[in-house]
């Protein structure tokens, strides 16, 4: 069971009244999350307003030394209303999540670099990332990507066809 439930503290894309709430605990440097990223984009496009997508940070620092830095960068971008743009850019440039790489992404997204470089040092943003991680631990996540559908863990195949088929099976008849 998802702990805590999805709230206004989360980053969400889609209709608030969607039938399906798909939450991912992800790590920007994880190759499996990188593989899942375009699959999730296709699923979002396919399901449209029937899907609310939520992302929570679950950086596995022991395996991915740049993951926390990338997660904090996404939160800093959120302070300039560019969370999802940074989220996408981090996955699309997963090969370079060094501070220089992240600053290039911030610049390419038109972020105020002075504010961004100050924000990425805020302890509150590190705490937000830590809170996401801890919520994943409490919810039983032990690797990435970790998926929850309507607050229930999903351990099945998340390749496009089986994942989409499973999600479509949850839709209300129209």
C-alpha atoms as a PDB file:
ATOM      1  CA  UNK A   1       0.000   0.000   0.000  1.00  0.00           C
ATOM      2  CA  UNK A   2       1.224   3.476  -0.888  1.00  0.00           C
ATOM      3  CA  UNK A   3       2.335   5.557   2.106  1.00  0.00           C
ATOM      4  CA  UNK A   4       1.537   8.436   2.100  1.00  0.00           C
ATOM      5  CA  UNK A   5      -1.230   8.663  -0.504  1.00  0.00           C
ATOM      6  CA  UNK A   6      -0.850  10.990  -3.469  1.00  0.00           C
ATOM      7  CA  UNK A   7      -1.304  14.608  -2.373  1.00  0.00           C
ATOM      8  CA  UNK A   8      -0.705  18.194  -3.459  1.00  0.00           C
ATOM      9  CA  UNK A   9       2.943  17.724  -2.420  1.00  0.00           C
ATOM     10  CA  UNK A  10       3.459  15.362  -5.364  1.00  0.00           C
ATOM     11  CA  UNK A  11       4.380  16.176  -8.952  1.00  0.00           C
ATOM     12  CA  UNK A  12       1.514  15.065 -11.171  1.00  0.00           C
ATOM     13  CA  UNK A  13       0.617  15.090 -14.856  1.00  0.00           C
ATOM     14  CA  UNK A  14      -2.891  14.459 -16.118  1.00  0.00           C
ATOM     15  CA  UNK A  15      -6.458  14.856 -14.985  1.00  0.00           C
ATOM     16  CA  UNK A  16      -7.031  15.079 -11.225  1.00  0.00           C
ATOM     17  CA  UNK A  17     -10.194  12.976 -11.600  1.00  0.00           C
ATOM     18  CA  UNK A  18      -8.536  10.265 -13.697  1.00  0.00           C
ATOM     19  CA  UNK A  19      -9.679   6.668 -13.239  1.00  0.00           C
ATOM     20  CA  UNK A  20      -6.077   5.496 -12.946  1.00  0.00           C
ATOM     21  CA  UNK A  21      -3.350   6.997 -10.772  1.00  0.00           C
ATOM     22  CA  UNK A  22       0.027   5.620 -11.825  1.00  0.00           C
ATOM     23  CA  UNK A  23       2.866   6.503  -9.473  1.00  0.00           C
ATOM     24  CA  UNK A  24       6.516   5.813 -10.200  1.00  0.00           C
ATOM     25  CA  UNK A  25       9.301   5.807  -7.658  1.00  0.00           C
ATOM     26  CA  UNK A  26      12.239   6.553  -9.913  1.00  0.00           C
ATOM     27  CA  UNK A  27      15.925   7.318 -10.076  1.00  0.00           C
ATOM     28  CA  UNK A  28      17.135   9.634 -12.851  1.00  0.00           C
ATOM     29  CA  UNK A  29      20.371   7.687 -13.257  1.00  0.00           C
ATOM     30  CA  UNK A  30      18.807   4.206 -13.217  1.00  0.00           C
ATOM     31  CA  UNK A  31      19.009   2.536 -16.648  1.00  0.00           C
ATOM     32  CA  UNK A  32      15.747   0.658 -15.996  1.00  0.00           C
ATOM     33  CA  UNK A  33      13.970   3.953 -15.230  1.00  0.00           C
ATOM     34  CA  UNK A  34      15.525   5.358 -18.397  1.00  0.00           C
ATOM     35  CA  UNK A  35      14.057   2.407 -20.314  1.00  0.00           C
ATOM     36  CA  UNK A  36      10.645   2.927 -18.662  1.00  0.00           C
ATOM     37  CA  UNK A  37      10.587   6.667 -19.446  1.00  0.00           C
ATOM     38  CA  UNK A  38       9.502   6.467 -23.135  1.00  0.00           C
ATOM     39  CA  UNK A  39       7.100   3.619 -22.303  1.00  0.00           C
ATOM     40  CA  UNK A  40       5.398   5.809 -19.702  1.00  0.00           C
ATOM     41  CA  UNK A  41       5.239   8.731 -22.147  1.00  0.00           C
ATOM     42  CA  UNK A  42       3.465   6.495 -24.689  1.00  0.00           C
ATOM     43  CA  UNK A  43       1.064   5.195 -22.049  1.00  0.00           C
ATOM     44  CA  UNK A  44       0.261   8.756 -20.929  1.00  0.00           C
ATOM     45  CA  UNK A  45      -0.490   9.717 -24.522  1.00  0.00           C
ATOM     46  CA  UNK A  46      -2.596   6.599 -25.089  1.00  0.00           C
ATOM     47  CA  UNK A  47      -4.694   6.931 -21.912  1.00  0.00           C
ATOM     48  CA  UNK A  48      -5.005  10.739 -21.911  1.00  0.00           C
ATOM     49  CA  UNK A  49      -7.390  12.041 -19.256  1.00  0.00           C
ATOM     50  CA  UNK A  50      -7.957   8.548 -17.879  1.00  0.00           C
ATOM     51  CA  UNK A  51      -4.465   8.624 -16.325  1.00  0.00           C
ATOM     52  CA  UNK A  52      -2.869  10.754 -13.637  1.00  0.00           C
ATOM     53  CA  UNK A  53       0.902  10.162 -13.569  1.00  0.00           C
ATOM     54  CA  UNK A  54       2.861  10.912 -10.398  1.00  0.00           C
ATOM     55  CA  UNK A  55       6.638  10.787  -9.938  1.00  0.00           C
ATOM     56  CA  UNK A  56       8.453  10.464  -6.623  1.00  0.00           C
ATOM     57  CA  UNK A  57      12.215  10.490  -6.210  1.00  0.00           C
ATOM     58  CA  UNK A  58      13.890   7.254  -5.187  1.00  0.00           C
ATOM     59  CA  UNK A  59      17.593   7.871  -5.837  1.00  0.00           C
ATOM     60  CA  UNK A  60      19.714   4.811  -5.130  1.00  0.00           C
ATOM     61  CA  UNK A  61      22.917   6.631  -4.317  1.00  0.00           C
ATOM     62  CA  UNK A  62      25.073   3.518  -3.789  1.00  0.00           C
ATOM     63  CA  UNK A  63      24.546   2.479  -7.435  1.00  0.00           C
ATOM     64  CA  UNK A  64      23.942   5.889  -8.988  1.00  0.00           C
ATOM     65  CA  UNK A  65      26.184   8.595  -7.499  1.00  0.00           C
ATOM     66  CA  UNK A  66      24.542  11.448  -9.473  1.00  0.00           C
ATOM     67  CA  UNK A  67      20.949  10.434  -8.707  1.00  0.00           C
ATOM     68  CA  UNK A  68      20.419  12.630  -5.642  1.00  0.00           C
ATOM     69  CA  UNK A  69      21.900  15.645  -7.428  1.00  0.00           C
ATOM     70  CA  UNK A  70      19.565  15.056 -10.379  1.00  0.00           C
ATOM     71  CA  UNK A  71      16.533  14.654  -8.100  1.00  0.00           C
ATOM     72  CA  UNK A  72      17.365  17.913  -6.306  1.00  0.00           C
ATOM     73  CA  UNK A  73      17.773  19.599  -9.709  1.00  0.00           C
ATOM     74  CA  UNK A  74      14.233  18.516 -10.653  1.00  0.00           C
ATOM     75  CA  UNK A  75      12.928  20.015  -7.411  1.00  0.00           C
ATOM     76  CA  UNK A  76      14.863  23.244  -8.034  1.00  0.00           C
ATOM     77  CA  UNK A  77      13.341  23.428 -11.525  1.00  0.00           C
ATOM     78  CA  UNK A  78       9.912  23.016  -9.905  1.00  0.00           C
ATOM     79  CA  UNK A  79      10.514  26.297  -8.055  1.00  0.00           C
ATOM     80  CA  UNK A  80      10.547  27.923 -11.503  1.00  0.00           C
ATOM     81  CA  UNK A  81       7.513  25.937 -12.725  1.00  0.00           C
ATOM     82  CA  UNK A  82       9.653  23.689 -14.937  1.00  0.00           C
ATOM     83  CA  UNK A  83       9.542  20.417 -13.001  1.00  0.00           C
ATOM     84  CA  UNK A  84       8.285  18.213 -15.835  1.00  0.00           C
ATOM     85  CA  UNK A  85      10.594  19.819 -18.387  1.00  0.00           C
ATOM     86  CA  UNK A  86      13.577  19.058 -16.134  1.00  0.00           C
ATOM     87  CA  UNK A  87      12.234  15.568 -15.336  1.00  0.00           C
ATOM     88  CA  UNK A  88      12.097  14.767 -19.046  1.00  0.00           C
ATOM     89  CA  UNK A  89      15.468  16.385 -19.795  1.00  0.00           C
ATOM     90  CA  UNK A  90      17.177  14.399 -17.013  1.00  0.00           C
ATOM     91  CA  UNK A  91      15.921  11.102 -18.427  1.00  0.00           C
ATOM     92  CA  UNK A  92      16.747  12.145 -21.986  1.00  0.00           C
ATOM     93  CA  UNK A  93      20.313  13.085 -20.928  1.00  0.00           C
ATOM     94  CA  UNK A  94      20.847  10.331 -18.385  1.00  0.00           C
ATOM     95  CA  UNK A  95      24.395   9.808 -19.675  1.00  0.00           C
ATOM     96  CA  UNK A  96      25.557  13.154 -18.197  1.00  0.00           C
ATOM     97  CA  UNK A  97      24.111  14.028 -14.820  1.00  0.00           C
ATOM     98  CA  UNK A  98      27.251  15.790 -13.643  1.00  0.00           C
ATOM     99  CA  UNK A  99      26.705  19.257 -12.226  1.00  0.00           C
ATOM    100  CA  UNK A 100      27.931  20.717 -15.535  1.00  0.00           C
ATOM    101  CA  UNK A 101      25.480  18.526 -17.446  1.00  0.00           C
ATOM    102  CA  UNK A 102      22.623  19.547 -15.161  1.00  0.00           C
ATOM    103  CA  UNK A 103      23.508  23.243 -15.508  1.00  0.00           C
ATOM    104  CA  UNK A 104      23.452  22.848 -19.313  1.00  0.00           C
ATOM    105  CA  UNK A 105      19.982  21.350 -19.055  1.00  0.00           C
ATOM    106  CA  UNK A 106      18.835  24.186 -16.785  1.00  0.00           C
ATOM    107  CA  UNK A 107      20.136  26.727 -19.275  1.00  0.00           C
ATOM    108  CA  UNK A 108      18.493  24.924 -22.217  1.00  0.00           C
ATOM    109  CA  UNK A 109      15.164  25.016 -20.341  1.00  0.00           C
ATOM    110  CA  UNK A 110      15.447  28.771 -19.870  1.00  0.00           C
ATOM    111  CA  UNK A 111      15.770  28.598 -16.096  1.00  0.00           C
ATOM    112  CA  UNK A 112      17.156  31.557 -14.178  1.00  0.00           C
ATOM    113  CA  UNK A 113      20.615  30.051 -13.595  1.00  0.00           C
ATOM    114  CA  UNK A 114      21.492  32.258 -10.641  1.00  0.00           C
ATOM    115  CA  UNK A 115      18.312  31.199  -8.840  1.00  0.00           C
ATOM    116  CA  UNK A 116      18.735  27.563  -9.911  1.00  0.00           C
ATOM    117  CA  UNK A 117      22.329  27.310  -8.659  1.00  0.00           C
ATOM    118  CA  UNK A 118      21.235  28.809  -5.364  1.00  0.00           C
ATOM    119  CA  UNK A 119      18.142  26.588  -5.111  1.00  0.00           C
ATOM    120  CA  UNK A 120      20.003  23.314  -5.705  1.00  0.00           C
ATOM    121  CA  UNK A 121      21.841  23.972  -2.452  1.00  0.00           C
ATOM    122  CA  UNK A 122      18.665  24.391  -0.370  1.00  0.00           C
ATOM    123  CA  UNK A 123      18.352  21.866   2.437  1.00  0.00           C
ATOM    124  CA  UNK A 124      14.551  21.908   1.912  1.00  0.00           C
ATOM    125  CA  UNK A 125      14.992  20.393  -1.544  1.00  0.00           C
ATOM    126  CA  UNK A 126      17.284  17.661  -0.243  1.00  0.00           C
ATOM    127  CA  UNK A 127      14.641  17.023   2.433  1.00  0.00           C
ATOM    128  CA  UNK A 128      11.898  16.726  -0.229  1.00  0.00           C
ATOM    129  CA  UNK A 129      13.997  14.115  -2.056  1.00  0.00           C
ATOM    130  CA  UNK A 130      14.652  12.297   1.228  1.00  0.00           C
ATOM    131  CA  UNK A 131      10.933  12.403   2.107  1.00  0.00           C
ATOM    132  CA  UNK A 132      10.071  10.857  -1.276  1.00  0.00           C
ATOM    133  CA  UNK A 133      12.688   8.153  -0.719  1.00  0.00           C
ATOM    134  CA  UNK A 134      11.421   7.407   2.786  1.00  0.00           C
ATOM    135  CA  UNK A 135       7.842   7.173   1.528  1.00  0.00           C
ATOM    136  CA  UNK A 136       9.059   4.600  -0.985  1.00  0.00           C
ATOM    137  CA  UNK A 137      10.739   2.575   1.748  1.00  0.00           C
ATOM    138  CA  UNK A 138       7.547   2.706   3.856  1.00  0.00           C
ATOM    139  CA  UNK A 139       5.567   1.615   0.795  1.00  0.00           C
ATOM    140  CA  UNK A 140       7.809  -1.409   0.213  1.00  0.00           C
ATOM    141  CA  UNK A 141       9.867  -0.144  -2.728  1.00  0.00           C
ATOM    142  CA  UNK A 142      13.248  -1.852  -2.914  1.00  0.00           C
ATOM    143  CA  UNK A 143      14.348  -0.980  -6.437  1.00  0.00           C
ATOM    144  CA  UNK A 144      13.593   1.254  -9.373  1.00  0.00           C
ATOM    145  CA  UNK A 145      11.371   1.770 -11.132  1.00  0.00           C
ATOM    146  CA  UNK A 146       8.774   1.047  -8.479  1.00  0.00           C
ATOM    147  CA  UNK A 147       5.185   1.367  -9.670  1.00  0.00           C
ATOM    148  CA  UNK A 148       1.890   1.800  -7.856  1.00  0.00           C
ATOM    149  CA  UNK A 149      -1.477   1.761  -9.579  1.00  0.00           C
ATOM    150  CA  UNK A 150      -4.295   3.329  -7.590  1.00  0.00           C
ATOM    151  CA  UNK A 151      -2.109   3.075  -4.447  1.00  0.00           C
ATOM    152  CA  UNK A 152      -1.433  -0.668  -4.928  1.00  0.00           C
ATOM    153  CA  UNK A 153       2.034  -1.995  -5.815  1.00  0.00           C
ATOM    154  CA  UNK A 154       2.429  -3.262  -9.369  1.00  0.00           C
ATOM    155  CA  UNK A 155       5.063  -5.973  -9.823  1.00  0.00           C
ATOM    156  CA  UNK A 156       4.074  -7.268 -13.254  1.00  0.00           C
ATOM    157  CA  UNK A 157       5.693  -6.641 -16.632  1.00  0.00           C
ATOM    158  CA  UNK A 158       5.956  -2.925 -17.366  1.00  0.00           C
ATOM    159  CA  UNK A 159       6.930  -3.202 -21.018  1.00  0.00           C
ATOM    160  CA  UNK A 160       4.523  -1.185 -23.155  1.00  0.00           C
ATOM    161  CA  UNK A 161       1.978  -3.776 -24.374  1.00  0.00           C
ATOM    162  CA  UNK A 162       1.397  -5.732 -21.145  1.00  0.00           C
ATOM    163  CA  UNK A 163       1.481  -2.577 -18.998  1.00  0.00           C
ATOM    164  CA  UNK A 164      -0.994  -0.739 -21.245  1.00  0.00           C
ATOM    165  CA  UNK A 165      -3.237  -3.824 -21.408  1.00  0.00           C
ATOM    166  CA  UNK A 166      -3.279  -4.035 -17.599  1.00  0.00           C
ATOM    167  CA  UNK A 167      -4.048  -0.324 -17.220  1.00  0.00           C
ATOM    168  CA  UNK A 168      -6.803  -0.389 -19.861  1.00  0.00           C
ATOM    169  CA  UNK A 169      -8.407  -3.222 -17.896  1.00  0.00           C
ATOM    170  CA  UNK A 170      -8.902  -0.764 -15.026  1.00  0.00           C
ATOM    171  CA  UNK A 171     -10.847   1.780 -17.048  1.00  0.00           C
ATOM    172  CA  UNK A 172     -14.511   2.383 -16.369  1.00  0.00           C
ATOM    173  CA  UNK A 173     -16.816   1.650 -19.287  1.00  0.00           C
ATOM    174  CA  UNK A 174     -17.827   4.862 -21.047  1.00  0.00           C
END
